[in-house]
């Protein structure tokens, strides 16, 4: 998801999306520990999405 798509959402949606992404990151880390994760690059992508969402939240104030 691009930053331009994220910045157009309201603050409530962003917080909900952030919560979902953090839960997804937790699940990916759990799968990584149990050797069930096929593509470890997913972790990096989800972390970057979380950073983009946090940046948008700070910009919204």
Foldseek 3Di string as FASTA:
>chain_A
DDLVVLLPDDLVVLVVVLVVLVVVLVVQVVCVVVVNDPDPCVNVVSVVVNVSSVVSNVVVD
